[in-house]
Amino acid sequence: MSDKETIIEFPSRFPIKIMGPRHDDFSQTIFELVRVHAADLTAEDIELRVSSGGNYISLTVTVTAISQAQLDAIYRAVTAHPMVKYVL
């Protein structure tokens, strides 16, 4: 497989898990960051979970990915944000 090939078929519904400390603006901030690269993203595409201790938030953002470049752009934008601790 060359560097340009991918194992994902596009378009595809693709879940991205994003974790960070519990903060009032976390969900909205992540929504806005991802929506720059996935214009069809809606609130229904985001699943929120709070950690058992209540200190962290985990978001599963499911995007309709149209290319590897789009996914890469989303990952770069999200991982660069200071509120984000992990992205899977």
N, C-alpha and C. Protein backbone atom coordinates (compact mmCIF):
# COMPACT_ATOMS: atom_id res chain seq x y z
N MET A 1 0.85 -1.17 0.00
CA MET A 1 0.00 0.00 0.00
C MET A 1 0.90 1.24 0.00
N SER A 2 0.64 2.17 -0.88
CA SER A 2 1.44 3.40 -0.95
C SER A 2 0.97 4.38 0.12
N ASP A 3 1.72 5.47 0.29
CA ASP A 3 1.37 6.49 1.28
C ASP A 3 0.03 7.15 0.99
N LYS A 4 -0.39 7.17 -0.26
CA LYS A 4 -1.63 7.84 -0.64
C LYS A 4 -2.87 6.96 -0.46
N GLU A 5 -2.68 5.65 -0.29
CA GLU A 5 -3.81 4.74 -0.15
C GLU A 5 -4.31 4.74 1.29
N THR A 6 -5.57 4.37 1.45
CA THR A 6 -6.17 4.28 2.77
C THR A 6 -7.04 3.03 2.83
N ILE A 7 -7.24 2.49 4.03
CA ILE A 7 -8.08 1.30 4.16
C ILE A 7 -9.55 1.68 4.37
N ILE A 8 -9.82 2.96 4.49
CA ILE A 8 -11.19 3.44 4.69
C ILE A 8 -11.81 3.75 3.33
N GLU A 9 -13.04 3.28 3.14
CA GLU A 9 -13.78 3.63 1.92
C GLU A 9 -14.56 4.91 2.19
N PHE A 10 -14.49 5.82 1.26
CA PHE A 10 -15.18 7.11 1.40
C PHE A 10 -16.29 7.22 0.38
N PRO A 11 -17.40 7.88 0.71
CA PRO A 11 -17.71 8.47 2.01
C PRO A 11 -18.02 7.39 3.04
N SER A 12 -17.81 7.73 4.30
CA SER A 12 -18.01 6.77 5.39
C SER A 12 -18.35 7.52 6.67
N ARG A 13 -19.24 6.92 7.48
CA ARG A 13 -19.51 7.47 8.82
C ARG A 13 -18.33 7.05 9.69
N PHE A 14 -17.66 8.01 10.29
CA PHE A 14 -16.42 7.75 11.01
C PHE A 14 -16.47 8.38 12.40
N PRO A 15 -16.38 7.56 13.46
CA PRO A 15 -16.42 8.10 14.82
C PRO A 15 -15.04 8.56 15.28
N ILE A 16 -14.99 9.71 15.92
CA ILE A 16 -13.76 10.24 16.50
C ILE A 16 -14.04 10.49 17.98
N LYS A 17 -13.23 9.90 18.85
CA LYS A 17 -13.41 10.09 20.29
C LYS A 17 -12.44 11.18 20.75
N ILE A 18 -13.00 12.17 21.44
CA ILE A 18 -12.23 13.34 21.88
C ILE A 18 -12.44 13.51 23.38
N MET A 19 -11.34 13.58 24.14
CA MET A 19 -11.43 13.66 25.59
C MET A 19 -10.70 14.88 26.13
N GLY A 20 -11.26 15.44 27.18
CA GLY A 20 -10.63 16.59 27.82
C GLY A 20 -11.25 16.84 29.18
N PRO A 21 -10.72 17.81 29.91
CA PRO A 21 -11.28 18.12 31.23
C PRO A 21 -12.70 18.68 31.10
N ARG A 22 -13.49 18.43 32.10
CA ARG A 22 -14.87 18.93 32.08
C ARG A 22 -14.84 20.46 32.09
N HIS A 23 -15.49 21.03 31.12
CA HIS A 23 -15.52 22.49 30.95
C HIS A 23 -16.85 22.84 30.29
N ASP A 24 -17.46 23.92 30.72
CA ASP A 24 -18.78 24.30 30.19
C ASP A 24 -18.80 24.45 28.68
N ASP A 25 -17.70 24.91 28.09
CA ASP A 25 -17.67 25.18 26.65
C ASP A 25 -17.06 24.05 25.83
N PHE A 26 -16.67 22.94 26.45
CA PHE A 26 -15.95 21.88 25.73
C PHE A 26 -16.74 21.35 24.54
N SER A 27 -17.96 20.94 24.75
CA SER A 27 -18.77 20.36 23.66
C SER A 27 -18.98 21.34 22.51
N GLN A 28 -19.34 22.56 22.82
CA GLN A 28 -19.57 23.57 21.78
C GLN A 28 -18.29 23.90 21.03
N THR A 29 -17.19 23.99 21.75
CA THR A 29 -15.90 24.29 21.12
C THR A 29 -15.51 23.19 20.14
N ILE A 30 -15.65 21.94 20.56
CA ILE A 30 -15.31 20.81 19.69
C ILE A 30 -16.25 20.77 18.49
N PHE A 31 -17.53 20.98 18.72
CA PHE A 31 -18.50 21.02 17.62
C PHE A 31 -18.07 22.04 16.57
N GLU A 32 -17.72 23.24 17.01
CA GLU A 32 -17.33 24.30 16.08
C GLU A 32 -16.03 23.96 15.35
N LEU A 33 -15.07 23.36 16.05
CA LEU A 33 -13.80 22.97 15.42
C LEU A 33 -14.02 21.94 14.31
N VAL A 34 -14.81 20.93 14.62
CA VAL A 34 -15.04 19.85 13.65
C VAL A 34 -15.91 20.34 12.50
N ARG A 35 -16.88 21.17 12.80
CA ARG A 35 -17.81 21.64 11.76
C ARG A 35 -17.11 22.45 10.66
N VAL A 36 -15.99 23.05 10.97
CA VAL A 36 -15.21 23.76 9.95
C VAL A 36 -14.83 22.79 8.82
N HIS A 37 -14.58 21.53 9.17
CA HIS A 37 -14.13 20.53 8.21
C HIS A 37 -15.23 19.55 7.79
N ALA A 38 -16.35 19.57 8.51
CA ALA A 38 -17.47 18.68 8.20
C ALA A 38 -18.75 19.50 8.34
N ALA A 39 -19.08 20.23 7.29
CA ALA A 39 -20.18 21.20 7.33
C ALA A 39 -21.54 20.60 7.66
N ASP A 40 -21.71 19.30 7.39
CA ASP A 40 -23.00 18.65 7.65
C ASP A 40 -23.14 18.13 9.08
N LEU A 41 -22.16 18.39 9.94
CA LEU A 41 -22.20 17.93 11.33
C LEU A 41 -23.37 18.58 12.07
N THR A 42 -24.11 17.77 12.84
CA THR A 42 -25.21 18.28 13.66
C THR A 42 -25.00 17.85 15.11
N ALA A 43 -25.76 18.42 16.01
CA ALA A 43 -25.67 18.06 17.43
C ALA A 43 -25.97 16.57 17.64
N GLU A 44 -26.80 15.99 16.79
CA GLU A 44 -27.13 14.56 16.91
C GLU A 44 -25.94 13.66 16.59
N ASP A 45 -24.90 14.21 15.98
CA ASP A 45 -23.71 13.44 15.63
C ASP A 45 -22.71 13.38 16.78
N ILE A 46 -23.06 13.95 17.92
CA ILE A 46 -22.14 14.00 19.05
C ILE A 46 -22.76 13.29 20.25
N GLU A 47 -22.00 12.35 20.80
CA GLU A 47 -22.41 11.64 22.02
C GLU A 47 -21.48 12.06 23.14
N LEU A 48 -22.03 12.50 24.25
CA LEU A 48 -21.25 13.00 25.38
C LEU A 48 -21.33 12.05 26.55
N ARG A 49 -20.18 11.83 27.18
CA ARG A 49 -20.13 11.06 28.43
C ARG A 49 -19.23 11.78 29.41
N VAL A 50 -19.64 11.80 30.66
CA VAL A 50 -18.85 12.41 31.72
C VAL A 50 -18.20 11.28 32.50
N SER A 51 -16.95 11.45 32.90
CA SER A 51 -16.24 10.42 33.65
C SER A 51 -16.92 10.16 34.98
N SER A 52 -16.64 9.01 35.57
CA SER A 52 -17.28 8.64 36.83
C SER A 52 -16.96 9.64 37.94
N GLY A 53 -15.79 10.23 37.91
CA GLY A 53 -15.43 11.24 38.90
C GLY A 53 -15.92 12.63 38.57
N GLY A 54 -16.45 12.78 37.35
CA GLY A 54 -16.99 14.06 36.93
C GLY A 54 -15.97 15.09 36.48
N ASN A 55 -14.71 14.67 36.36
CA ASN A 55 -13.65 15.63 36.00
C ASN A 55 -13.37 15.72 34.51
N TYR A 56 -13.79 14.73 33.75
CA TYR A 56 -13.47 14.67 32.32
C TYR A 56 -14.72 14.44 31.47
N ILE A 57 -14.62 14.87 30.22
CA ILE A 57 -15.69 14.66 29.24
C ILE A 57 -15.11 13.87 28.08
N SER A 58 -15.90 12.94 27.59
CA SER A 58 -15.56 12.19 26.39
C SER A 58 -16.65 12.44 25.37
N LEU A 59 -16.25 12.90 24.19
CA LEU A 59 -17.20 13.11 23.10
C LEU A 59 -16.89 12.11 22.00
N THR A 60 -17.92 11.47 21.48
CA THR A 60 -17.77 10.69 20.26
C THR A 60 -18.46 11.49 19.17
N VAL A 61 -17.66 12.01 18.26
CA VAL A 61 -18.16 12.83 17.15
C VAL A 61 -18.13 11.96 15.90
N THR A 62 -19.29 11.67 15.33
CA THR A 62 -19.36 10.84 14.14
C THR A 62 -19.58 11.73 12.93
N VAL A 63 -18.57 11.76 12.06
CA VAL A 63 -18.63 12.60 10.86
C VAL A 63 -18.86 11.73 9.64
N THR A 64 -19.42 12.33 8.61
CA THR A 64 -19.48 11.68 7.30
C THR A 64 -18.21 12.09 6.58
N ALA A 65 -17.21 11.23 6.65
CA ALA A 65 -15.90 11.53 6.07
C ALA A 65 -15.93 11.31 4.57
N ILE A 66 -15.39 12.28 3.85
CA ILE A 66 -15.36 12.17 2.39
C ILE A 66 -13.95 11.91 1.85
N SER A 67 -12.93 12.07 2.71
CA SER A 67 -11.56 11.81 2.27
C SER A 67 -10.63 11.67 3.47
N GLN A 68 -9.48 11.08 3.23
CA GLN A 68 -8.46 10.98 4.27
C GLN A 68 -7.96 12.37 4.64
N ALA A 69 -7.84 13.24 3.66
CA ALA A 69 -7.39 14.61 3.91
C ALA A 69 -8.34 15.34 4.88
N GLN A 70 -9.64 15.10 4.73
CA GLN A 70 -10.62 15.71 5.63
C GLN A 70 -10.41 15.20 7.05
N LEU A 71 -10.26 13.89 7.22
CA LEU A 71 -10.04 13.32 8.55
C LEU A 71 -8.75 13.86 9.16
N ASP A 72 -7.70 13.94 8.35
CA ASP A 72 -6.43 14.48 8.85
C ASP A 72 -6.60 15.92 9.33
N ALA A 73 -7.35 16.73 8.59
CA ALA A 73 -7.58 18.12 8.97
C ALA A 73 -8.36 18.21 10.29
N ILE A 74 -9.34 17.34 10.46
CA ILE A 74 -10.11 17.32 11.71
C ILE A 74 -9.20 16.96 12.87
N TYR A 75 -8.40 15.90 12.71
CA TYR A 75 -7.49 15.48 13.78
C TYR A 75 -6.50 16.58 14.12
N ARG A 76 -5.94 17.26 13.12
CA ARG A 76 -4.99 18.35 13.38
C ARG A 76 -5.66 19.49 14.16
N ALA A 77 -6.86 19.87 13.75
CA ALA A 77 -7.57 20.97 14.41
C ALA A 77 -7.90 20.63 15.86
N VAL A 78 -8.39 19.43 16.07
CA VAL A 78 -8.83 19.04 17.42
C VAL A 78 -7.63 18.84 18.34
N THR A 79 -6.60 18.15 17.88
CA THR A 79 -5.44 17.90 18.75
C THR A 79 -4.68 19.18 19.09
N ALA A 80 -4.81 20.20 18.27
CA ALA A 80 -4.12 21.47 18.53
C ALA A 80 -4.81 22.32 19.60
N HIS A 81 -6.06 21.98 19.92
CA HIS A 81 -6.80 22.80 20.89
C HIS A 81 -6.33 22.50 22.31
N PRO A 82 -6.10 23.53 23.13
CA PRO A 82 -5.57 23.31 24.48
C PRO A 82 -6.50 22.56 25.44
N MET A 83 -7.80 22.53 25.19
CA MET A 83 -8.71 21.79 26.07
C MET A 83 -8.68 20.29 25.80
N VAL A 84 -8.17 19.88 24.66
CA VAL A 84 -8.20 18.47 24.26
C VAL A 84 -6.98 17.74 24.81
N LYS A 85 -7.23 16.62 25.49
CA LYS A 85 -6.14 15.81 26.04
C LYS A 85 -5.84 14.60 25.18
N TYR A 86 -6.88 13.94 24.64
CA TYR A 86 -6.69 12.73 23.83
C TYR A 86 -7.68 12.73 22.68
N VAL A 87 -7.23 12.16 21.56
CA VAL A 87 -8.11 11.96 20.40
C VAL A 87 -7.85 10.55 19.89
N LEU A 88 -8.91 9.78 19.73
CA LEU A 88 -8.80 8.42 19.20
C LEU A 88 -9.64 8.29 17.95
